[in-house]
Amino acid sequence: MNTAEEQRQADSLEYLRSYVLKHCHHMSPQQIADELQVPLFAVKLYYPNEAR
């Protein structure tokens, strides 16, 4: 069973993922990290790979 803290973390990750996908076309990973005040590596987990 999920605790309230686990649910909050899952919701935060889902919000981060959806925010990155919505804004990746006009914001760099660094801009998104600064905007949301999260580590850059967390943004890069969900940021589309430019090489594809």
Protein backbone atom coordinates (compact mmCIF):
# COMPACT_ATOMS: atom_id res chain seq x y z
CA MET A 1 0.00 0.00 0.00
CA ASN A 2 1.26 3.48 -0.86
CA THR A 3 1.83 5.93 1.92
CA ALA A 4 0.88 9.56 1.46
CA GLU A 5 4.57 10.43 0.93
CA GLU A 6 5.00 7.81 -1.81
CA GLN A 7 1.87 9.08 -3.55
CA ARG A 8 3.13 12.66 -3.35
CA GLN A 9 6.46 11.65 -4.92
CA ALA A 10 4.70 9.75 -7.71
CA ASP A 11 2.47 12.76 -8.40
CA SER A 12 5.52 15.04 -8.47
CA LEU A 13 7.28 12.81 -11.00
CA GLU A 14 4.18 12.65 -13.18
CA TYR A 15 3.88 16.45 -13.05
CA LEU A 16 7.57 16.80 -13.98
CA ARG A 17 7.17 14.40 -16.90
CA SER A 18 4.10 16.16 -18.27
CA TYR A 19 5.66 19.63 -17.80
CA VAL A 20 8.81 18.59 -19.69
CA LEU A 21 6.82 17.10 -22.56
CA LYS A 22 4.62 20.20 -22.79
CA HIS A 23 7.48 22.73 -22.73
CA CYS A 24 10.41 20.90 -24.37
CA HIS A 25 9.70 22.52 -27.76
CA HIS A 26 10.47 26.03 -26.54
CA MET A 27 12.55 25.57 -23.36
CA SER A 28 15.95 23.97 -22.81
CA PRO A 29 16.42 21.35 -20.08
CA GLN A 30 18.28 23.96 -18.01
CA GLN A 31 15.41 26.46 -18.32
CA ILE A 32 12.89 23.84 -17.18
CA ALA A 33 15.11 22.81 -14.24
CA ASP A 34 15.41 26.46 -13.19
CA GLU A 35 11.67 27.08 -13.62
CA LEU A 36 10.64 24.07 -11.51
CA GLN A 37 13.65 24.29 -9.16
CA VAL A 38 14.58 20.64 -9.71
CA PRO A 39 17.97 19.09 -10.55
CA LEU A 40 18.93 19.12 -14.22
CA PHE A 41 19.41 15.33 -14.30
CA ALA A 42 15.75 14.88 -13.31
CA VAL A 43 14.62 17.00 -16.25
CA LYS A 44 16.92 15.10 -18.64
CA LEU A 45 15.26 11.80 -17.64
CA TYR A 46 12.09 12.94 -19.40
CA TYR A 47 13.48 15.35 -22.00
CA PRO A 48 13.23 13.96 -25.55
CA ASN A 49 16.52 12.79 -27.04
CA GLU A 50 17.55 15.29 -29.72
CA ALA A 51 19.54 12.60 -31.55
CA ARG A 52 16.40 10.68 -32.56
